[in-house]
Structure formats: structure tokens, C-alpha cells
Amino acid sequence: TAFLDEWTSVVAIDFVVYNPNYKTISYVTVVFSWNAAGSLHSKEVRSSTLKMDLASEYLRLLEMLYMLMTIMYLGFQFMALYKLKWGFFHDFWSYLDILSTTMSVMSLSTWTRYERRDENMKSSSPDFFPSIETIQRAQSAFDYYTRISAVATMTIFLRIIKYLAQSFPRVKLLQFTISLAIPPMLVYLTFIIIIFLGFVNFSSINFASLSTYFVTFSQSVLSCV
């Protein structure tokens, strides 16, 4: 056929299905790849599911609690900065607190943006199914939110060590061990970031023509994460 010939290397099939029982939209991608010899090299099926109905009093309550706790903790940080002045930046845990608060604020903002995108998708398509491009943008926004929230959750758990160290000697020893390991950890993270950016650049150059997940640099970062 004119669609498949001896030079075909990749065939991707995208389609969207709606589940009225759970009020979810699933974006499915099926990718077939052939090697240089002409044999089928790999088959891959990817599925991403979005919940259309985000209205939930329980979820809204958790969002408000998370926002209030983030604002309160940010206030504590400003109070500590006012009292300690430059001494605030002499403590490693202060940087972790700043990172954790920043990621929490980004998590809240990305979730709000995703909710707004979801409402716009439903309001702009009341009588017909949203396009694949619209669903892809919504899925990218949700993927960005989940990754930001994962980092925020990790930093929140790390902050627990700071407070437990004030009560338990063993946790205090763990905190002291972590502080001694900071210089080699920073060197290690620097190498990891350099290697990661290399993978992002490689994927953006080589896979941009094959997948929408690598069209832009930001999308490549999200896909590699």
C-alpha cells in the first residue's frame, strides 16, 4: 500500500476512548517499529487516563489544608529569616525547607492550572468529543503535576528528619551523617544532572520526529523523568 512500504520504520496509532461509568478519558498509543532488516522489532502500548469529573468536596478540603499548611510553614521560614538574618543560610536544612516550600507552591499551582484546563476542555467541548491534541495537552499538564508533586512529597518526608532529630539521638546522628555527606552528594548530583541533560538533548534530537513526547525541550525533560 501507499501507507506501508519497504522503507517504513515506525507506525504509531493514536486513539481516545471514554468510560462513562468512571467519567474518564484514556489516550492510547500503539507503536510498531521495524529494524533495518525489515522485521518487526518492537511493539509498545502506552495508555494515559484522565478523570473528567474533578469536583469533590473531600479533594477540595485536602487542597485547602495543604495550601494552609504550606502558607503557615512559609511564614515560619520568614520568621526564622528575620531572626537569624544571614545565619539562616548557614544551615543545610534551611535550603531543604526552601526547596520543599517552593515545590509545594509549584504543586498547588500546577494542580490549579490542570483543573482550569480540565474545565476548559469540558466547557469547550460540550456536544462533541475533545480532540487528541487537547487531550495530549491535558495529559502533559497532569504529568507535569505528578512529577512536581513527587518531588514535593519527597522533600516533605526529608523534613521529618529535621524535627525528629530534636527528640531522638539516633535521628540526630543520622542528621549529622547526612550533613557530613553533603559535599560528595552535591558532586554526585552535579554529574547526574549533566548526564540527565545529555539524555534529554539526545532524545529531543533523535525522537522529536517519532513522538510528541519529545517535540520540545520541556516535554523531553518530563518524558525522561
N, C-alpha and C. Protein backbone atom coordinates (compact mmCIF):
# COMPACT_ATOMS: atom_id res chain seq x y z
N THR A 1 0.84 -1.19 0.00
CA THR A 1 0.00 0.00 0.00
C THR A 1 0.87 1.25 0.00
N ALA A 2 0.23 2.39 -0.19
CA ALA A 2 0.97 3.65 -0.17
C ALA A 2 1.35 4.06 1.25
N PHE A 3 0.66 3.47 2.20
CA PHE A 3 0.93 3.83 3.60
C PHE A 3 2.09 3.03 4.17
N LEU A 4 2.17 1.75 3.84
CA LEU A 4 3.25 0.88 4.30
C LEU A 4 4.04 0.37 3.11
N ASP A 5 5.36 0.54 3.15
CA ASP A 5 6.22 0.05 2.09
C ASP A 5 7.52 -0.46 2.70
N GLU A 6 8.52 -0.73 1.86
CA GLU A 6 9.77 -1.30 2.35
C GLU A 6 10.61 -0.31 3.14
N TRP A 7 10.27 0.98 3.10
CA TRP A 7 11.03 1.99 3.86
C TRP A 7 10.36 2.36 5.18
N THR A 8 9.24 1.75 5.48
CA THR A 8 8.54 2.06 6.73
C THR A 8 9.35 1.56 7.92
N SER A 9 9.57 2.43 8.89
CA SER A 9 10.31 2.06 10.10
C SER A 9 9.45 2.12 11.36
N VAL A 10 8.51 3.04 11.41
CA VAL A 10 7.67 3.21 12.60
C VAL A 10 6.25 3.51 12.17
N VAL A 11 5.30 2.87 12.83
CA VAL A 11 3.88 3.17 12.64
C VAL A 11 3.28 3.38 14.03
N ALA A 12 2.66 4.53 14.23
CA ALA A 12 2.03 4.86 15.51
C ALA A 12 0.54 5.05 15.31
N ILE A 13 -0.24 4.45 16.17
CA ILE A 13 -1.70 4.56 16.13
C ILE A 13 -2.16 5.20 17.43
N ASP A 14 -2.83 6.34 17.33
CA ASP A 14 -3.35 7.05 18.50
C ASP A 14 -4.87 7.03 18.46
N PHE A 15 -5.49 6.75 19.60
CA PHE A 15 -6.95 6.86 19.68
C PHE A 15 -7.34 7.15 21.12
N VAL A 16 -8.54 7.65 21.27
CA VAL A 16 -9.06 8.08 22.57
C VAL A 16 -10.37 7.35 22.84
N VAL A 17 -10.54 6.87 24.08
CA VAL A 17 -11.78 6.21 24.49
C VAL A 17 -12.30 6.87 25.75
N TYR A 18 -13.61 6.85 25.88
CA TYR A 18 -14.27 7.47 27.03
C TYR A 18 -15.02 6.41 27.81
N ASN A 19 -14.85 6.41 29.13
CA ASN A 19 -15.55 5.48 30.02
C ASN A 19 -16.62 6.26 30.78
N PRO A 20 -17.90 6.11 30.40
CA PRO A 20 -18.95 6.90 31.06
C PRO A 20 -19.20 6.47 32.50
N ASN A 21 -18.86 5.25 32.86
CA ASN A 21 -19.09 4.79 34.23
C ASN A 21 -18.15 5.49 35.22
N TYR A 22 -16.89 5.64 34.84
CA TYR A 22 -15.91 6.28 35.71
C TYR A 22 -15.64 7.73 35.32
N LYS A 23 -16.23 8.18 34.22
CA LYS A 23 -16.05 9.54 33.71
C LYS A 23 -14.56 9.83 33.49
N THR A 24 -13.92 8.95 32.74
CA THR A 24 -12.51 9.09 32.44
C THR A 24 -12.29 9.03 30.93
N ILE A 25 -11.23 9.69 30.49
CA ILE A 25 -10.79 9.64 29.10
C ILE A 25 -9.41 8.99 29.07
N SER A 26 -9.26 7.99 28.23
CA SER A 26 -7.98 7.29 28.10
C SER A 26 -7.39 7.57 26.73
N TYR A 27 -6.17 8.03 26.73
CA TYR A 27 -5.44 8.29 25.48
C TYR A 27 -4.46 7.14 25.28
N VAL A 28 -4.65 6.38 24.21
CA VAL A 28 -3.88 5.16 23.96
C VAL A 28 -3.01 5.36 22.72
N THR A 29 -1.75 4.94 22.84
CA THR A 29 -0.81 5.00 21.72
C THR A 29 -0.22 3.62 21.51
N VAL A 30 -0.31 3.14 20.29
CA VAL A 30 0.28 1.84 19.91
C VAL A 30 1.37 2.12 18.88
N VAL A 31 2.58 1.66 19.17
CA VAL A 31 3.74 1.95 18.30
C VAL A 31 4.35 0.63 17.83
N PHE A 32 4.50 0.50 16.51
CA PHE A 32 5.19 -0.65 15.91
C PHE A 32 6.48 -0.14 15.27
N SER A 33 7.59 -0.85 15.53
CA SER A 33 8.89 -0.45 14.99
C SER A 33 9.51 -1.61 14.23
N TRP A 34 10.08 -1.30 13.06
CA TRP A 34 10.79 -2.28 12.25
C TRP A 34 12.27 -1.94 12.21
N ASN A 35 13.12 -2.95 12.22
CA ASN A 35 14.55 -2.72 12.14
C ASN A 35 14.99 -2.62 10.67
N ALA A 36 16.32 -2.47 10.47
CA ALA A 36 16.83 -2.27 9.11
C ALA A 36 16.64 -3.50 8.24
N ALA A 37 16.50 -4.67 8.86
CA ALA A 37 16.31 -5.90 8.08
C ALA A 37 14.87 -6.08 7.63
N GLY A 38 13.96 -5.24 8.14
CA GLY A 38 12.57 -5.32 7.73
C GLY A 38 11.69 -6.14 8.63
N SER A 39 12.23 -6.70 9.72
CA SER A 39 11.42 -7.48 10.65
C SER A 39 10.89 -6.59 11.76
N LEU A 40 9.77 -6.99 12.32
CA LEU A 40 9.14 -6.22 13.39
C LEU A 40 10.04 -6.25 14.62
N HIS A 41 10.50 -5.09 15.01
CA HIS A 41 11.49 -5.01 16.09
C HIS A 41 10.83 -4.90 17.47
N SER A 42 9.82 -4.09 17.60
CA SER A 42 9.19 -3.90 18.91
C SER A 42 7.75 -3.46 18.74
N LYS A 43 6.96 -3.77 19.75
CA LYS A 43 5.57 -3.32 19.86
C LYS A 43 5.37 -2.71 21.24
N GLU A 44 4.77 -1.56 21.26
CA GLU A 44 4.60 -0.85 22.53
C GLU A 44 3.21 -0.25 22.60
N VAL A 45 2.59 -0.41 23.76
CA VAL A 45 1.26 0.17 24.01
C VAL A 45 1.35 1.06 25.24
N ARG A 46 1.01 2.32 25.07
CA ARG A 46 1.01 3.29 26.18
C ARG A 46 -0.40 3.81 26.38
N SER A 47 -0.80 3.91 27.63
CA SER A 47 -2.14 4.39 27.95
C SER A 47 -2.07 5.40 29.08
N SER A 48 -2.76 6.51 28.90
CA SER A 48 -2.84 7.56 29.93
C SER A 48 -4.31 7.87 30.16
N THR A 49 -4.70 7.89 31.42
CA THR A 49 -6.11 8.08 31.77
C THR A 49 -6.28 9.38 32.55
N LEU A 50 -7.26 10.16 32.15
CA LEU A 50 -7.59 11.42 32.81
C LEU A 50 -9.00 11.34 33.36
N LYS A 51 -9.17 11.81 34.57
CA LYS A 51 -10.50 11.85 35.18
C LYS A 51 -11.15 13.18 34.81
N MET A 52 -12.34 13.10 34.23
CA MET A 52 -13.01 14.31 33.76
C MET A 52 -13.72 15.06 34.89
N ASP A 53 -14.29 14.33 35.83
CA ASP A 53 -15.04 14.96 36.91
C ASP A 53 -14.14 15.12 38.12
N LEU A 54 -13.58 16.32 38.30
CA LEU A 54 -12.66 16.58 39.41
C LEU A 54 -13.36 17.20 40.61
N ALA A 55 -14.66 17.45 40.51
CA ALA A 55 -15.40 18.08 41.60
C ALA A 55 -15.57 17.09 42.74
N SER A 56 -14.92 17.37 43.87
CA SER A 56 -15.00 16.51 45.04
C SER A 56 -14.77 17.36 46.29
N GLU A 57 -15.71 17.33 47.21
CA GLU A 57 -15.58 18.10 48.44
C GLU A 57 -14.40 17.61 49.27
N TYR A 58 -14.21 16.29 49.29
CA TYR A 58 -13.09 15.72 50.05
C TYR A 58 -11.75 16.17 49.46
N LEU A 59 -11.64 16.13 48.13
CA LEU A 59 -10.42 16.58 47.48
C LEU A 59 -10.20 18.06 47.68
N ARG A 60 -11.27 18.84 47.61
CA ARG A 60 -11.15 20.28 47.82
C ARG A 60 -10.69 20.58 49.24
N LEU A 61 -11.17 19.83 50.22
CA LEU A 61 -10.76 20.02 51.61
C LEU A 61 -9.27 19.73 51.78
N LEU A 62 -8.80 18.66 51.17
CA LEU A 62 -7.37 18.34 51.25
C LEU A 62 -6.51 19.41 50.58
N GLU A 63 -7.00 19.96 49.47
CA GLU A 63 -6.27 21.04 48.80
C GLU A 63 -6.15 22.26 49.71
N MET A 64 -7.24 22.61 50.38
CA MET A 64 -7.22 23.77 51.27
C MET A 64 -6.29 23.54 52.45
N LEU A 65 -6.32 22.33 53.02
CA LEU A 65 -5.43 22.03 54.14
C LEU A 65 -3.96 22.10 53.70
N TYR A 66 -3.68 21.54 52.54
CA TYR A 66 -2.31 21.57 52.02
C TYR A 66 -1.86 23.01 51.78
N MET A 67 -2.75 23.83 51.23
CA MET A 67 -2.41 25.23 50.98
C MET A 67 -2.18 25.99 52.28
N LEU A 68 -3.04 25.77 53.29
CA LEU A 68 -2.89 26.47 54.57
C LEU A 68 -1.60 26.06 55.27
N MET A 69 -1.29 24.75 55.24
CA MET A 69 -0.06 24.29 55.88
C MET A 69 1.18 24.83 55.16
N THR A 70 1.11 24.93 53.84
CA THR A 70 2.24 25.49 53.08
C THR A 70 2.44 26.96 53.41
N ILE A 71 1.34 27.71 53.48
CA ILE A 71 1.42 29.14 53.82
C ILE A 71 1.95 29.32 55.24
N MET A 72 1.49 28.48 56.16
CA MET A 72 1.94 28.57 57.54
C MET A 72 3.43 28.27 57.66
N TYR A 73 3.88 27.23 56.96
CA TYR A 73 5.29 26.88 57.02
C TYR A 73 6.15 27.95 56.36
N LEU A 74 5.63 28.57 55.30
CA LEU A 74 6.35 29.67 54.66
C LEU A 74 6.48 30.85 55.62
N GLY A 75 5.44 31.09 56.42
CA GLY A 75 5.51 32.13 57.44
C GLY A 75 6.58 31.84 58.49
N PHE A 76 6.70 30.58 58.90
CA PHE A 76 7.74 30.19 59.85
C PHE A 76 9.13 30.44 59.27
N GLN A 77 9.28 30.18 57.98
CA GLN A 77 10.57 30.41 57.34
C GLN A 77 10.92 31.90 57.32
N PHE A 78 9.96 32.75 57.03
CA PHE A 78 10.21 34.19 57.04
C PHE A 78 10.54 34.68 58.45
N MET A 79 9.89 34.11 59.46
CA MET A 79 10.20 34.49 60.84
C MET A 79 11.62 34.07 61.21
N ALA A 80 12.03 32.85 60.80
CA ALA A 80 13.39 32.41 61.07
C ALA A 80 14.41 33.26 60.33
N LEU A 81 14.10 33.65 59.09
CA LEU A 81 15.00 34.51 58.33
C LEU A 81 15.13 35.88 58.99
N TYR A 82 14.04 36.41 59.53
CA TYR A 82 14.06 37.71 60.20
C TYR A 82 14.90 37.67 61.48
N LYS A 83 14.81 36.55 62.22
CA LYS A 83 15.55 36.44 63.48
C LYS A 83 17.03 36.12 63.26
N LEU A 84 17.31 35.21 62.32
CA LEU A 84 18.69 34.74 62.15
C LEU A 84 19.48 35.55 61.13
N LYS A 85 18.77 36.33 60.30
CA LYS A 85 19.42 37.09 59.24
C LYS A 85 20.23 36.14 58.33
N TRP A 86 21.52 36.43 58.12
CA TRP A 86 22.33 35.60 57.23
C TRP A 86 22.63 34.24 57.84
N GLY A 87 22.50 34.11 59.16
CA GLY A 87 22.71 32.81 59.79
C GLY A 87 21.69 31.77 59.34
N PHE A 88 20.58 32.24 58.80
CA PHE A 88 19.56 31.31 58.30
C PHE A 88 20.11 30.45 57.18
N PHE A 89 21.04 31.02 56.39
CA PHE A 89 21.57 30.30 55.24
C PHE A 89 22.79 29.46 55.59
N HIS A 90 23.19 29.43 56.86
CA HIS A 90 24.32 28.60 57.28
C HIS A 90 23.87 27.18 57.61
N ASP A 91 22.59 26.94 57.65
CA ASP A 91 22.06 25.62 57.98
C ASP A 91 21.59 24.93 56.70
N PHE A 92 22.04 23.70 56.49
CA PHE A 92 21.65 22.94 55.30
C PHE A 92 20.15 22.75 55.23
N TRP A 93 19.52 22.53 56.37
CA TRP A 93 18.08 22.25 56.38
C TRP A 93 17.26 23.45 55.96
N SER A 94 17.84 24.65 56.04
CA SER A 94 17.12 25.83 55.56
C SER A 94 16.93 25.76 54.05
N TYR A 95 17.94 25.28 53.35
CA TYR A 95 17.83 25.13 51.90
C TYR A 95 16.80 24.05 51.54
N LEU A 96 16.78 22.98 52.35
CA LEU A 96 15.77 21.94 52.11
C LEU A 96 14.37 22.48 52.35
N ASP A 97 14.22 23.32 53.39
CA ASP A 97 12.92 23.93 53.65
C ASP A 97 12.48 24.83 52.50
N ILE A 98 13.42 25.60 51.96
CA ILE A 98 13.10 26.49 50.84
C ILE A 98 12.70 25.67 49.62
N LEU A 99 13.47 24.60 49.34
CA LEU A 99 13.14 23.73 48.22
C LEU A 99 11.77 23.08 48.40
N SER A 100 11.50 22.60 49.61
CA SER A 100 10.23 21.93 49.87
C SER A 100 9.05 22.89 49.71
N THR A 101 9.20 24.09 50.25
CA THR A 101 8.12 25.08 50.13
C THR A 101 7.90 25.48 48.68
N THR A 102 9.00 25.67 47.95
CA THR A 102 8.90 26.03 46.53
C THR A 102 8.18 24.95 45.73
N MET A 103 8.55 23.68 45.97
CA MET A 103 7.91 22.59 45.25
C MET A 103 6.44 22.44 45.65
N SER A 104 6.12 22.71 46.90
CA SER A 104 4.72 22.65 47.33
C SER A 104 3.89 23.73 46.64
N VAL A 105 4.44 24.93 46.54
CA VAL A 105 3.74 26.01 45.85
C VAL A 105 3.57 25.67 44.38
N MET A 106 4.61 25.11 43.75
CA MET A 106 4.51 24.71 42.35
C MET A 106 3.50 23.59 42.16
N SER A 107 3.44 22.67 43.14
CA SER A 107 2.46 21.58 43.05
C SER A 107 1.04 22.12 43.08
N LEU A 108 0.79 23.06 43.99
CA LEU A 108 -0.55 23.66 44.08
C LEU A 108 -0.89 24.43 42.81
N SER A 109 0.08 25.18 42.28
CA SER A 109 -0.19 25.99 41.09
C SER A 109 -0.41 25.11 39.86
N THR A 110 0.38 24.04 39.73
CA THR A 110 0.19 23.15 38.57
C THR A 110 -1.13 22.40 38.66
N TRP A 111 -1.55 22.03 39.87
CA TRP A 111 -2.85 21.38 40.01
C TRP A 111 -3.99 22.33 39.66
N THR A 112 -3.87 23.59 40.10
CA THR A 112 -4.89 24.59 39.76
C THR A 112 -4.95 24.80 38.25
N ARG A 113 -3.78 24.84 37.61
CA ARG A 113 -3.75 25.01 36.16
C ARG A 113 -4.35 23.79 35.46
N TYR A 114 -4.10 22.60 36.00
CA TYR A 114 -4.68 21.40 35.40
C TYR A 114 -6.21 21.40 35.57
N GLU A 115 -6.69 21.81 36.74
CA GLU A 115 -8.14 21.90 36.94
C GLU A 115 -8.77 22.88 35.96
N ARG A 116 -8.10 24.02 35.77
CA ARG A 116 -8.62 25.02 34.83
C ARG A 116 -8.63 24.47 33.40
N ARG A 117 -7.58 23.74 33.05
CA ARG A 117 -7.53 23.14 31.71
C ARG A 117 -8.62 22.10 31.54
N ASP A 118 -8.88 21.33 32.61
CA ASP A 118 -9.93 20.32 32.55
C ASP A 118 -11.30 20.97 32.38
N GLU A 119 -11.55 22.06 33.11
CA GLU A 119 -12.83 22.76 32.97
C GLU A 119 -12.98 23.36 31.59
N ASN A 120 -11.90 23.92 31.06
CA ASN A 120 -11.96 24.49 29.71
C ASN A 120 -12.21 23.41 28.66
N MET A 121 -11.62 22.23 28.88
CA MET A 121 -11.82 21.15 27.92
C MET A 121 -13.28 20.70 27.91
N LYS A 122 -13.89 20.63 29.10
CA LYS A 122 -15.29 20.22 29.17
C LYS A 122 -16.23 21.29 28.65
N SER A 123 -15.92 22.55 28.94
CA SER A 123 -16.81 23.63 28.51
C SER A 123 -16.69 23.91 27.02
N SER A 124 -15.48 23.72 26.45
CA SER A 124 -15.30 23.98 25.02
C SER A 124 -15.77 22.82 24.16
N SER A 125 -16.01 21.66 24.78
CA SER A 125 -16.47 20.50 24.02
C SER A 125 -17.71 19.89 24.66
N PRO A 126 -18.79 20.67 24.80
CA PRO A 126 -19.98 20.13 25.47
C PRO A 126 -20.75 19.13 24.61
N ASP A 127 -20.69 19.30 23.29
CA ASP A 127 -21.50 18.46 22.40
C ASP A 127 -20.68 17.50 21.55
N PHE A 128 -19.36 17.58 21.63
CA PHE A 128 -18.55 16.67 20.83
C PHE A 128 -17.30 16.31 21.63
N PHE A 129 -16.66 15.24 21.17
CA PHE A 129 -15.50 14.72 21.89
C PHE A 129 -14.30 15.64 21.68
N PRO A 130 -13.51 15.92 22.73
CA PRO A 130 -12.33 16.78 22.55
C PRO A 130 -11.31 16.13 21.62
N SER A 131 -10.53 16.97 20.97
CA SER A 131 -9.55 16.47 20.02
C SER A 131 -8.39 15.80 20.74
N ILE A 132 -7.63 15.00 19.98
CA ILE A 132 -6.47 14.32 20.56
C ILE A 132 -5.45 15.34 21.05
N GLU A 133 -5.27 16.44 20.30
CA GLU A 133 -4.31 17.46 20.71
C GLU A 133 -4.70 18.07 22.05
N THR A 134 -6.00 18.31 22.26
CA THR A 134 -6.47 18.86 23.53
C THR A 134 -6.20 17.90 24.68
N ILE A 135 -6.45 16.63 24.44
CA ILE A 135 -6.22 15.62 25.48
C ILE A 135 -4.73 15.46 25.74
N GLN A 136 -3.91 15.56 24.71
CA GLN A 136 -2.46 15.47 24.90
C GLN A 136 -1.96 16.61 25.77
N ARG A 137 -2.47 17.81 25.54
CA ARG A 137 -2.05 18.95 26.37
C ARG A 137 -2.49 18.76 27.82
N ALA A 138 -3.70 18.25 28.01
CA ALA A 138 -4.17 17.98 29.36
C ALA A 138 -3.33 16.90 30.04
N GLN A 139 -2.97 15.87 29.28
CA GLN A 139 -2.13 14.80 29.84
C GLN A 139 -0.74 15.32 30.19
N SER A 140 -0.18 16.18 29.36
CA SER A 140 1.13 16.77 29.66
C SER A 140 1.07 17.61 30.93
N ALA A 141 -0.02 18.36 31.10
CA ALA A 141 -0.18 19.16 32.31
C ALA A 141 -0.29 18.27 33.55
N PHE A 142 -1.00 17.16 33.42
CA PHE A 142 -1.14 16.24 34.56
C PHE A 142 0.18 15.54 34.87
N ASP A 143 0.93 15.15 33.83
CA ASP A 143 2.23 14.53 34.05
C ASP A 143 3.18 15.49 34.76
N TYR A 144 3.15 16.75 34.35
CA TYR A 144 3.99 17.76 35.00
C TYR A 144 3.61 17.90 36.47
N TYR A 145 2.30 17.88 36.75
CA TYR A 145 1.84 17.99 38.14
C TYR A 145 2.31 16.81 38.98
N THR A 146 2.21 15.59 38.44
CA THR A 146 2.59 14.42 39.22
C THR A 146 4.08 14.41 39.53
N ARG A 147 4.91 14.86 38.61
CA ARG A 147 6.35 14.89 38.86
C ARG A 147 6.72 15.95 39.88
N ILE A 148 6.11 17.12 39.77
CA ILE A 148 6.36 18.17 40.75
C ILE A 148 5.89 17.73 42.13
N SER A 149 4.74 17.10 42.20
CA SER A 149 4.20 16.65 43.48
C SER A 149 5.06 15.54 44.09
N ALA A 150 5.64 14.70 43.25
CA ALA A 150 6.51 13.64 43.76
C ALA A 150 7.74 14.23 44.45
N VAL A 151 8.34 15.25 43.84
CA VAL A 151 9.49 15.90 44.46
C VAL A 151 9.07 16.62 45.74
N ALA A 152 7.91 17.28 45.72
CA ALA A 152 7.42 17.96 46.91
C ALA A 152 7.19 16.98 48.06
N THR A 153 6.60 15.83 47.75
CA THR A 153 6.36 14.81 48.77
C THR A 153 7.67 14.27 49.34
N MET A 154 8.66 14.06 48.48
CA MET A 154 9.95 13.57 48.95
C MET A 154 10.61 14.56 49.91
N THR A 155 10.58 15.85 49.57
CA THR A 155 11.20 16.85 50.45
C THR A 155 10.44 16.98 51.77
N ILE A 156 9.13 16.79 51.74
CA ILE A 156 8.36 16.83 52.99
C ILE A 156 8.77 15.70 53.92
N PHE A 157 8.97 14.51 53.36
CA PHE A 157 9.42 13.38 54.18
C PHE A 157 10.83 13.61 54.70
N LEU A 158 11.70 14.25 53.91
CA LEU A 158 13.05 14.55 54.38
C LEU A 158 13.03 15.56 55.52
N ARG A 159 12.06 16.46 55.49
CA ARG A 159 11.97 17.44 56.57
C ARG A 159 11.63 16.80 57.90
N ILE A 160 11.02 15.62 57.88
CA ILE A 160 10.68 14.93 59.12
C ILE A 160 11.94 14.62 59.92
N ILE A 161 13.06 14.32 59.21
CA ILE A 161 14.32 14.03 59.89
C ILE A 161 14.75 15.22 60.74
N LYS A 162 14.53 16.43 60.24
CA LYS A 162 14.93 17.63 60.96
C LYS A 162 14.22 17.73 62.30
N TYR A 163 12.95 17.41 62.34
CA TYR A 163 12.18 17.56 63.57
C TYR A 163 12.36 16.36 64.50
N LEU A 164 12.52 15.17 63.92
CA LEU A 164 12.76 14.01 64.78
C LEU A 164 14.12 14.08 65.46
N ALA A 165 15.08 14.77 64.80
CA ALA A 165 16.42 14.89 65.39
C ALA A 165 16.40 15.68 66.70
N GLN A 166 15.38 16.47 66.93
CA GLN A 166 15.27 17.23 68.17
C GLN A 166 14.81 16.37 69.34
N SER A 167 14.34 15.15 69.06
CA SER A 167 13.80 14.29 70.12
C SER A 167 14.53 12.96 70.25
N PHE A 168 15.09 12.45 69.17
CA PHE A 168 15.68 11.11 69.19
C PHE A 168 17.17 11.21 68.86
N PRO A 169 18.05 10.69 69.74
CA PRO A 169 19.50 10.77 69.48
C PRO A 169 19.92 10.05 68.21
N ARG A 170 19.29 8.92 67.90
CA ARG A 170 19.67 8.18 66.69
C ARG A 170 19.36 8.99 65.43
N VAL A 171 18.24 9.70 65.44
CA VAL A 171 17.91 10.55 64.29
C VAL A 171 18.88 11.73 64.22
N LYS A 172 19.30 12.23 65.40
CA LYS A 172 20.31 13.30 65.43
C LYS A 172 21.61 12.82 64.80
N LEU A 173 21.99 11.57 65.06
CA LEU A 173 23.20 11.01 64.45
C LEU A 173 23.01 10.88 62.94
N LEU A 174 21.83 10.48 62.51
CA LEU A 174 21.55 10.39 61.08
C LEU A 174 21.64 11.76 60.42
N GLN A 175 21.12 12.77 61.10
CA GLN A 175 21.20 14.13 60.57
C GLN A 175 22.65 14.59 60.45
N PHE A 176 23.47 14.25 61.45
CA PHE A 176 24.88 14.63 61.42
C PHE A 176 25.60 13.90 60.28
N THR A 177 25.26 12.63 60.06
CA THR A 177 25.87 11.86 58.97
C THR A 177 25.51 12.46 57.61
N ILE A 178 24.25 12.87 57.45
CA ILE A 178 23.82 13.49 56.20
C ILE A 178 24.57 14.80 55.96
N SER A 179 24.77 15.58 57.03
CA SER A 179 25.48 16.86 56.88
C SER A 179 26.93 16.64 56.45
N LEU A 180 27.56 15.56 56.93
CA LEU A 180 28.94 15.26 56.52
C LEU A 180 29.00 14.82 55.06
N ALA A 181 27.92 14.25 54.57
CA ALA A 181 27.91 13.73 53.19
C ALA A 181 27.46 14.77 52.17
N ILE A 182 27.20 15.98 52.58
CA ILE A 182 26.67 16.99 51.66
C ILE A 182 27.63 17.28 50.50
N PRO A 183 28.94 17.55 50.74
CA PRO A 183 29.84 17.85 49.59
C PRO A 183 29.89 16.74 48.55
N PRO A 184 30.15 15.48 48.93
CA PRO A 184 30.14 14.44 47.87
C PRO A 184 28.77 14.24 47.23
N MET A 185 27.69 14.46 47.99
CA MET A 185 26.35 14.34 47.41
C MET A 185 26.12 15.41 46.34
N LEU A 186 26.61 16.63 46.59
CA LEU A 186 26.47 17.70 45.60
C LEU A 186 27.25 17.40 44.33
N VAL A 187 28.46 16.84 44.51
CA VAL A 187 29.25 16.45 43.34
C VAL A 187 28.53 15.36 42.55
N TYR A 188 27.98 14.38 43.27
CA TYR A 188 27.26 13.29 42.62
C TYR A 188 26.04 13.82 41.88
N LEU A 189 25.27 14.70 42.51
CA LEU A 189 24.09 15.26 41.87
C LEU A 189 24.46 16.08 40.63
N THR A 190 25.60 16.77 40.70
CA THR A 190 26.04 17.55 39.54
C THR A 190 26.31 16.65 38.35
N PHE A 191 27.00 15.53 38.58
CA PHE A 191 27.24 14.58 37.49
C PHE A 191 25.94 13.98 36.98
N ILE A 192 25.02 13.65 37.89
CA ILE A 192 23.74 13.07 37.48
C ILE A 192 22.96 14.05 36.62
N ILE A 193 22.96 15.33 37.00
CA ILE A 193 22.23 16.35 36.23
C ILE A 193 22.83 16.51 34.84
N ILE A 194 24.17 16.49 34.76
CA ILE A 194 24.83 16.62 33.46
C ILE A 194 24.47 15.44 32.55
N ILE A 195 24.53 14.22 33.10
CA ILE A 195 24.17 13.03 32.32
C ILE A 195 22.70 13.07 31.92
N PHE A 196 21.84 13.51 32.84
CA PHE A 196 20.41 13.58 32.55
C PHE A 196 20.14 14.57 31.42
N LEU A 197 20.78 15.74 31.46
CA LEU A 197 20.58 16.72 30.39
C LEU A 197 21.10 16.19 29.06
N GLY A 198 22.14 15.36 29.12
CA GLY A 198 22.61 14.73 27.89
C GLY A 198 21.57 13.80 27.29
N PHE A 199 20.92 13.00 28.16
CA PHE A 199 19.85 12.12 27.68
C PHE A 199 18.68 12.94 27.13
N VAL A 200 18.34 14.05 27.80
CA VAL A 200 17.24 14.89 27.33
C VAL A 200 17.56 15.46 25.96
N ASN A 201 18.78 15.96 25.79
CA ASN A 201 19.18 16.53 24.50
C ASN A 201 19.20 15.46 23.41
N PHE A 202 19.70 14.27 23.73
CA PHE A 202 19.73 13.17 22.76
C PHE A 202 18.33 12.77 22.34
N SER A 203 17.42 12.64 23.31
CA SER A 203 16.05 12.24 22.98
C SER A 203 15.32 13.32 22.19
N SER A 204 15.58 14.58 22.52
CA SER A 204 14.92 15.67 21.79
C SER A 204 15.37 15.71 20.33
N ILE A 205 16.64 15.40 20.08
CA ILE A 205 17.17 15.45 18.71
C ILE A 205 16.71 14.23 17.90
N ASN A 206 16.74 13.06 18.50
CA ASN A 206 16.52 11.82 17.75
C ASN A 206 15.07 11.36 17.71
N PHE A 207 14.26 11.74 18.71
CA PHE A 207 12.91 11.20 18.79
C PHE A 207 11.82 12.24 18.54
N ALA A 208 12.21 13.48 18.25
CA ALA A 208 11.21 14.53 18.04
C ALA A 208 10.31 14.22 16.85
N SER A 209 10.88 13.57 15.83
CA SER A 209 10.09 13.25 14.64
C SER A 209 9.26 11.99 14.80
N LEU A 210 9.48 11.26 15.91
CA LEU A 210 8.78 10.00 16.11
C LEU A 210 7.70 10.06 17.18
N SER A 211 7.82 10.98 18.12
CA SER A 211 6.88 11.03 19.23
C SER A 211 6.65 12.47 19.67
N THR A 212 5.41 12.77 20.02
CA THR A 212 5.08 14.12 20.50
C THR A 212 5.64 14.38 21.90
N TYR A 213 6.09 13.32 22.57
CA TYR A 213 6.64 13.50 23.92
C TYR A 213 8.01 14.15 23.90
N PHE A 214 8.63 14.28 22.73
CA PHE A 214 9.97 14.84 22.64
C PHE A 214 10.04 16.02 21.66
N VAL A 215 8.92 16.65 21.40
CA VAL A 215 8.90 17.74 20.43
C VAL A 215 9.64 18.96 20.97
N THR A 216 9.40 19.31 22.23
CA THR A 216 10.06 20.45 22.85
C THR A 216 11.01 19.97 23.95
N PHE A 217 11.87 20.88 24.39
CA PHE A 217 12.84 20.51 25.43
C PHE A 217 12.14 20.20 26.74
N SER A 218 11.10 20.99 27.10
CA SER A 218 10.39 20.75 28.36
C SER A 218 9.67 19.41 28.34
N GLN A 219 9.07 19.05 27.20
CA GLN A 219 8.41 17.76 27.10
C GLN A 219 9.42 16.61 27.16
N SER A 220 10.61 16.83 26.62
CA SER A 220 11.65 15.81 26.70
C SER A 220 12.10 15.61 28.15
N VAL A 221 12.19 16.71 28.90
CA VAL A 221 12.55 16.60 30.31
C VAL A 221 11.51 15.78 31.06
N LEU A 222 10.24 16.08 30.85
CA LEU A 222 9.18 15.34 31.52
C LEU A 222 9.18 13.87 31.14
N SER A 223 9.42 13.58 29.87
CA SER A 223 9.42 12.19 29.42
C SER A 223 10.59 11.41 30.00
N CYS A 224 11.75 12.04 30.11
CA CYS A 224 12.93 11.37 30.66
C CYS A 224 12.85 11.21 32.17
N VAL A 225 12.15 12.12 32.83
CA VAL A 225 11.98 11.97 34.28
C VAL A 225 11.12 10.77 34.58
